[in-house]
């Protein structure tokens, strides 16, 4: 009877260990995927920052062109 109880306990411990091993593998996979998401998010944020800089530069150029056009119009007395 004692052997049966010990075998039953060992079987339960083996199942717990197998479940824990599965959980650890899944956790490693999740950590890897989160790391990939963080890296991708960082890349996207860098790209957006570059785009914002480019847009700001275009606004400055537009403003400069607008100033030049206004000066030309004043010289030609168009406005």
Protein backbone atom coordinates (compact mmCIF):
# COMPACT_ATOMS: atom_id res chain seq x y z
CA UNK A 1 0.00 0.00 0.00
CA UNK A 2 2.83 2.37 0.86
CA UNK A 3 4.45 1.68 -2.53
CA UNK A 4 1.24 2.63 -4.29
CA UNK A 5 1.07 5.92 -2.40
CA UNK A 6 4.74 6.67 -3.15
CA UNK A 7 4.21 5.86 -6.83
CA UNK A 8 1.12 8.06 -6.90
CA UNK A 9 3.03 10.94 -5.29
CA UNK A 10 5.92 10.48 -7.76
CA UNK A 11 3.49 10.55 -10.69
CA UNK A 12 1.95 13.78 -9.43
CA UNK A 13 5.39 15.32 -8.95
CA UNK A 14 6.37 14.30 -12.49
CA UNK A 15 3.20 15.94 -13.85
CA UNK A 16 3.89 19.10 -11.85
CA UNK A 17 7.46 19.16 -13.17
CA UNK A 18 6.27 18.64 -16.75
CA UNK A 19 3.75 21.46 -16.33
CA UNK A 20 6.40 23.74 -14.86
CA UNK A 21 8.77 22.93 -17.73
CA UNK A 22 6.04 23.81 -20.23
CA UNK A 23 5.32 27.09 -18.45
CA UNK A 24 9.02 27.98 -18.41
CA UNK A 25 9.33 27.31 -22.17
CA UNK A 26 6.28 29.44 -22.88
CA UNK A 27 7.60 32.23 -20.64
CA UNK A 28 10.90 32.24 -22.53
CA UNK A 29 9.01 32.50 -25.81
CA UNK A 30 6.88 35.36 -24.48
CA UNK A 31 9.99 37.20 -23.24
CA UNK A 32 11.56 36.80 -26.66
CA UNK A 33 8.46 38.12 -28.39
CA UNK A 34 8.21 41.09 -26.02
CA UNK A 35 11.86 41.92 -26.71
CA UNK A 36 11.13 41.82 -30.45
CA UNK A 37 8.13 44.11 -29.97
CA UNK A 38 10.23 46.56 -27.95
CA UNK A 39 12.90 46.64 -30.63
CA UNK A 40 10.29 47.17 -33.35
CA UNK A 41 8.61 49.93 -31.34
CA UNK A 42 11.97 51.64 -30.88
CA UNK A 43 12.62 51.49 -34.63
CA UNK A 44 9.19 52.93 -35.37
CA UNK A 45 9.73 55.75 -32.88
CA UNK A 46 13.09 56.60 -34.49
CA UNK A 47 11.45 56.63 -37.91
CA UNK A 48 8.66 58.92 -36.68
CA UNK A 49 11.22 61.27 -35.14
CA UNK A 50 13.05 61.46 -38.46
CA UNK A 51 9.80 62.14 -40.26
CA UNK A 52 8.92 64.90 -37.79
CA UNK A 53 12.32 66.49 -38.38
CA UNK A 54 11.81 66.29 -42.12
CA UNK A 55 8.35 67.85 -41.85
CA UNK A 56 9.72 70.67 -39.69
CA UNK A 57 12.45 71.29 -42.27
CA UNK A 58 9.84 71.47 -45.04
CA UNK A 59 7.85 74.00 -43.00
CA UNK A 60 10.94 76.18 -42.64
CA UNK A 61 11.56 76.01 -46.39
CA UNK A 62 7.94 76.85 -47.10
CA UNK A 63 8.10 79.83 -44.73
CA UNK A 64 11.29 81.04 -46.41
CA UNK A 65 9.69 80.76 -49.86
CA UNK A 66 6.64 82.62 -48.62
CA UNK A 67 8.87 85.43 -47.31
CA UNK A 68 10.71 85.62 -50.62
CA UNK A 69 7.46 85.77 -52.59
CA UNK A 70 6.19 88.58 -50.35
CA UNK A 71 9.42 90.56 -50.88
CA UNK A 72 9.16 90.06 -54.67
CA UNK A 73 5.53 91.19 -54.65
CA UNK A 74 6.45 94.32 -52.67
CA UNK A 75 9.28 95.14 -55.07
CA UNK A 76 7.00 94.70 -58.04
CA UNK A 77 4.22 96.51 -56.20
CA UNK A 78 1.83 93.62 -56.79
CA UNK A 79 0.25 93.68 -53.39
